[in-house]
Amino acid sequence: MDATRRTASVDGVVLDLTYLEFELLSHLVAYPHRVHTRDQLVTTVWGYGHVGDGRTVDVHVARLRRKLGAEYRRSIQTVRRVGYKYTP
């Protein structure tokens, strides 16, 4: 993760992330092993004024996993009925 350039890379290859995908990944990486509820992620990443639900988070996590590739997609783990956590 390069916060200054707002880029993330896997094995030296820069990922093509949207603004929100980068924000979500940055937040998860900043707090490894911590479980984040969907509501916490919506508030932190999308902001207090966001009108939506936890499903928005699910869709973005699915996209992130796809972009991370087979080897790293399991780094973002689903915690059933709660949310997600990042495990390096």
N, C-alpha and C. Protein backbone atom coordinates (compact mmCIF):
# COMPACT_ATOMS: atom_id res chain seq x y z
N MET A 1 0.85 -1.18 0.00
CA MET A 1 0.00 0.00 0.00
C MET A 1 0.89 1.23 0.00
N ASP A 2 0.58 2.16 -0.88
CA ASP A 2 1.28 3.43 -0.93
C ASP A 2 0.23 4.53 -0.80
N ALA A 3 0.07 5.04 0.41
CA ALA A 3 -0.96 6.04 0.68
C ALA A 3 -0.71 7.35 -0.05
N THR A 4 0.56 7.70 -0.24
CA THR A 4 0.90 8.95 -0.92
C THR A 4 0.46 8.91 -2.38
N ARG A 5 0.74 7.81 -3.03
CA ARG A 5 0.36 7.67 -4.45
C ARG A 5 -1.04 7.08 -4.61
N ARG A 6 -1.61 6.64 -3.49
CA ARG A 6 -2.93 6.01 -3.48
C ARG A 6 -2.97 4.80 -4.41
N THR A 7 -1.94 3.95 -4.24
CA THR A 7 -1.86 2.73 -5.03
C THR A 7 -1.64 1.53 -4.11
N ALA A 8 -2.03 0.39 -4.62
CA ALA A 8 -1.77 -0.87 -3.93
C ALA A 8 -1.24 -1.83 -4.98
N SER A 9 -0.30 -2.67 -4.56
CA SER A 9 0.26 -3.61 -5.53
C SER A 9 0.37 -5.00 -4.92
N VAL A 10 0.34 -5.98 -5.80
CA VAL A 10 0.50 -7.37 -5.42
C VAL A 10 1.63 -7.93 -6.27
N ASP A 11 2.67 -8.41 -5.60
CA ASP A 11 3.84 -8.96 -6.30
C ASP A 11 4.38 -8.00 -7.35
N GLY A 12 4.41 -6.71 -7.00
CA GLY A 12 4.97 -5.70 -7.88
C GLY A 12 4.04 -5.18 -8.96
N VAL A 13 2.85 -5.72 -9.05
CA VAL A 13 1.88 -5.28 -10.05
C VAL A 13 0.86 -4.37 -9.38
N VAL A 14 0.73 -3.14 -9.89
CA VAL A 14 -0.20 -2.18 -9.32
C VAL A 14 -1.63 -2.60 -9.66
N LEU A 15 -2.47 -2.60 -8.63
CA LEU A 15 -3.88 -2.98 -8.80
C LEU A 15 -4.68 -1.80 -9.33
N ASP A 16 -5.64 -2.07 -10.17
CA ASP A 16 -6.53 -1.04 -10.70
C ASP A 16 -7.73 -0.93 -9.76
N LEU A 17 -7.60 -0.07 -8.75
CA LEU A 17 -8.64 0.06 -7.73
C LEU A 17 -9.40 1.36 -7.89
N THR A 18 -10.69 1.31 -7.61
CA THR A 18 -11.49 2.53 -7.55
C THR A 18 -11.15 3.26 -6.25
N TYR A 19 -11.64 4.48 -6.12
CA TYR A 19 -11.41 5.26 -4.91
C TYR A 19 -11.89 4.50 -3.67
N LEU A 20 -13.12 3.99 -3.72
CA LEU A 20 -13.68 3.30 -2.55
C LEU A 20 -13.00 1.97 -2.28
N GLU A 21 -12.60 1.25 -3.32
CA GLU A 21 -11.88 0.00 -3.11
C GLU A 21 -10.56 0.27 -2.41
N PHE A 22 -9.87 1.34 -2.82
CA PHE A 22 -8.61 1.69 -2.16
C PHE A 22 -8.85 2.07 -0.70
N GLU A 23 -9.87 2.87 -0.45
CA GLU A 23 -10.19 3.28 0.92
C GLU A 23 -10.51 2.07 1.80
N LEU A 24 -11.29 1.15 1.27
CA LEU A 24 -11.67 -0.05 2.02
C LEU A 24 -10.45 -0.91 2.32
N LEU A 25 -9.63 -1.15 1.32
CA LEU A 25 -8.43 -1.96 1.52
C LEU A 25 -7.48 -1.28 2.50
N SER A 26 -7.31 0.02 2.36
CA SER A 26 -6.43 0.77 3.28
C SER A 26 -6.89 0.64 4.72
N HIS A 27 -8.19 0.74 4.92
CA HIS A 27 -8.72 0.64 6.28
C HIS A 27 -8.50 -0.76 6.85
N LEU A 28 -8.77 -1.77 6.06
CA LEU A 28 -8.58 -3.15 6.54
C LEU A 28 -7.11 -3.43 6.84
N VAL A 29 -6.22 -2.99 5.96
CA VAL A 29 -4.79 -3.23 6.12
C VAL A 29 -4.24 -2.47 7.34
N ALA A 30 -4.80 -1.31 7.63
CA ALA A 30 -4.34 -0.51 8.76
C ALA A 30 -4.63 -1.18 10.10
N TYR A 31 -5.62 -2.07 10.12
CA TYR A 31 -6.01 -2.74 11.35
C TYR A 31 -6.07 -4.25 11.13
N PRO A 32 -4.91 -4.88 10.92
CA PRO A 32 -4.91 -6.33 10.66
C PRO A 32 -5.45 -7.13 11.85
N HIS A 33 -6.11 -8.20 11.53
CA HIS A 33 -6.68 -9.15 12.50
C HIS A 33 -7.86 -8.58 13.29
N ARG A 34 -8.22 -7.35 13.05
CA ARG A 34 -9.36 -6.75 13.74
C ARG A 34 -10.62 -7.00 12.92
N VAL A 35 -11.68 -7.42 13.58
CA VAL A 35 -12.96 -7.66 12.90
C VAL A 35 -13.70 -6.33 12.79
N HIS A 36 -14.13 -6.02 11.58
CA HIS A 36 -14.87 -4.79 11.30
C HIS A 36 -16.29 -5.18 10.90
N THR A 37 -17.28 -4.61 11.56
CA THR A 37 -18.65 -4.87 11.15
C THR A 37 -18.93 -4.13 9.84
N ARG A 38 -19.94 -4.57 9.15
CA ARG A 38 -20.32 -3.90 7.91
C ARG A 38 -20.70 -2.44 8.20
N ASP A 39 -21.42 -2.22 9.29
CA ASP A 39 -21.80 -0.85 9.65
C ASP A 39 -20.59 0.03 9.92
N GLN A 40 -19.59 -0.51 10.61
CA GLN A 40 -18.36 0.25 10.86
C GLN A 40 -17.68 0.62 9.55
N LEU A 41 -17.62 -0.34 8.63
CA LEU A 41 -16.97 -0.07 7.35
C LEU A 41 -17.74 0.95 6.52
N VAL A 42 -19.06 0.86 6.53
CA VAL A 42 -19.86 1.85 5.80
C VAL A 42 -19.60 3.24 6.36
N THR A 43 -19.62 3.37 7.68
CA THR A 43 -19.40 4.67 8.31
C THR A 43 -18.00 5.20 8.03
N THR A 44 -16.99 4.34 8.16
CA THR A 44 -15.60 4.76 7.99
C THR A 44 -15.24 5.04 6.55
N VAL A 45 -15.62 4.16 5.65
CA VAL A 45 -15.20 4.27 4.25
C VAL A 45 -16.15 5.14 3.43
N TRP A 46 -17.44 4.94 3.57
CA TRP A 46 -18.41 5.68 2.76
C TRP A 46 -18.83 6.98 3.43
N GLY A 47 -18.77 7.03 4.75
CA GLY A 47 -19.13 8.24 5.47
C GLY A 47 -20.50 8.16 6.11
N TYR A 48 -20.72 9.04 7.07
CA TYR A 48 -21.96 9.03 7.85
C TYR A 48 -23.20 9.28 6.99
N GLY A 49 -23.06 10.05 5.94
CA GLY A 49 -24.21 10.40 5.11
C GLY A 49 -24.60 9.35 4.09
N HIS A 50 -23.88 8.25 4.04
CA HIS A 50 -24.16 7.23 3.02
C HIS A 50 -25.49 6.54 3.30
N VAL A 51 -26.29 6.46 2.26
CA VAL A 51 -27.56 5.75 2.36
C VAL A 51 -27.35 4.40 1.68
N GLY A 52 -27.37 3.37 2.45
CA GLY A 52 -27.13 2.04 1.91
C GLY A 52 -27.07 1.04 3.05
N ASP A 53 -26.63 -0.16 2.72
CA ASP A 53 -26.57 -1.19 3.74
C ASP A 53 -25.27 -1.97 3.63
N GLY A 54 -25.16 -3.01 4.44
CA GLY A 54 -23.95 -3.82 4.46
C GLY A 54 -23.68 -4.54 3.16
N ARG A 55 -24.71 -4.69 2.34
CA ARG A 55 -24.54 -5.36 1.05
C ARG A 55 -23.55 -4.59 0.17
N THR A 56 -23.52 -3.28 0.30
CA THR A 56 -22.56 -2.45 -0.43
C THR A 56 -21.15 -2.90 -0.11
N VAL A 57 -20.89 -3.15 1.16
CA VAL A 57 -19.57 -3.61 1.59
C VAL A 57 -19.27 -4.97 0.98
N ASP A 58 -20.23 -5.87 1.00
CA ASP A 58 -20.04 -7.21 0.45
C ASP A 58 -19.62 -7.16 -1.02
N VAL A 59 -20.28 -6.30 -1.79
CA VAL A 59 -19.96 -6.17 -3.21
C VAL A 59 -18.54 -5.65 -3.41
N HIS A 60 -18.15 -4.64 -2.64
CA HIS A 60 -16.81 -4.08 -2.78
C HIS A 60 -15.73 -5.07 -2.32
N VAL A 61 -16.01 -5.82 -1.28
CA VAL A 61 -15.05 -6.84 -0.83
C VAL A 61 -14.88 -7.90 -1.91
N ALA A 62 -15.98 -8.31 -2.54
CA ALA A 62 -15.89 -9.31 -3.61
C ALA A 62 -15.03 -8.80 -4.76
N ARG A 63 -15.19 -7.53 -5.11
CA ARG A 63 -14.37 -6.94 -6.18
C ARG A 63 -12.91 -6.87 -5.77
N LEU A 64 -12.67 -6.49 -4.53
CA LEU A 64 -11.28 -6.44 -4.04
C LEU A 64 -10.63 -7.81 -4.09
N ARG A 65 -11.33 -8.81 -3.64
CA ARG A 65 -10.78 -10.17 -3.65
C ARG A 65 -10.42 -10.60 -5.07
N ARG A 66 -11.29 -10.29 -6.02
CA ARG A 66 -11.02 -10.63 -7.42
C ARG A 66 -9.74 -9.95 -7.89
N LYS A 67 -9.59 -8.68 -7.54
CA LYS A 67 -8.42 -7.92 -7.98
C LYS A 67 -7.14 -8.36 -7.26
N LEU A 68 -7.26 -8.85 -6.04
CA LEU A 68 -6.09 -9.32 -5.31
C LEU A 68 -5.55 -10.62 -5.89
N GLY A 69 -6.39 -11.38 -6.55
CA GLY A 69 -5.95 -12.62 -7.18
C GLY A 69 -6.06 -13.81 -6.25
N ALA A 70 -5.86 -14.98 -6.84
CA ALA A 70 -6.07 -16.25 -6.13
C ALA A 70 -5.21 -16.39 -4.88
N GLU A 71 -3.97 -15.93 -4.97
CA GLU A 71 -3.04 -16.13 -3.84
C GLU A 71 -3.37 -15.26 -2.63
N TYR A 72 -3.92 -14.06 -2.87
CA TYR A 72 -4.12 -13.10 -1.78
C TYR A 72 -5.58 -12.84 -1.43
N ARG A 73 -6.51 -13.39 -2.20
CA ARG A 73 -7.92 -13.10 -1.95
C ARG A 73 -8.37 -13.55 -0.56
N ARG A 74 -7.72 -14.55 -0.01
CA ARG A 74 -8.10 -15.03 1.33
C ARG A 74 -7.58 -14.14 2.45
N SER A 75 -6.81 -13.11 2.10
CA SER A 75 -6.33 -12.17 3.11
C SER A 75 -7.49 -11.39 3.73
N ILE A 76 -8.54 -11.19 2.95
CA ILE A 76 -9.74 -10.54 3.47
C ILE A 76 -10.71 -11.66 3.82
N GLN A 77 -10.88 -11.88 5.10
CA GLN A 77 -11.69 -13.00 5.57
C GLN A 77 -13.08 -12.53 6.00
N THR A 78 -14.06 -13.34 5.68
CA THR A 78 -15.42 -13.08 6.12
C THR A 78 -15.60 -13.63 7.53
N VAL A 79 -16.14 -12.82 8.40
CA VAL A 79 -16.51 -13.26 9.74
C VAL A 79 -18.04 -13.34 9.71
N ARG A 80 -18.54 -14.56 9.64
CA ARG A 80 -19.97 -14.77 9.43
C ARG A 80 -20.85 -13.97 10.39
N ARG A 81 -21.83 -13.34 9.78
CA ARG A 81 -22.85 -12.55 10.48
C ARG A 81 -22.28 -11.32 11.18
N VAL A 82 -21.01 -11.01 10.93
CA VAL A 82 -20.41 -9.84 11.57
C VAL A 82 -19.86 -8.89 10.52
N GLY A 83 -18.84 -9.32 9.78
CA GLY A 83 -18.20 -8.44 8.82
C GLY A 83 -16.96 -9.07 8.23
N TYR A 84 -15.85 -8.32 8.27
CA TYR A 84 -14.62 -8.76 7.62
C TYR A 84 -13.40 -8.43 8.47
N LYS A 85 -12.32 -9.16 8.18
CA LYS A 85 -11.03 -8.83 8.79
C LYS A 85 -9.94 -9.11 7.77
N TYR A 86 -8.84 -8.38 7.91
CA TYR A 86 -7.68 -8.56 7.05
C TYR A 86 -6.64 -9.35 7.82
N THR A 87 -6.16 -10.42 7.21
CA THR A 87 -5.12 -11.24 7.81
C THR A 87 -3.97 -11.34 6.82
N PRO A 88 -2.86 -10.65 7.11
CA PRO A 88 -1.72 -10.67 6.16
C PRO A 88 -1.10 -12.06 6.02
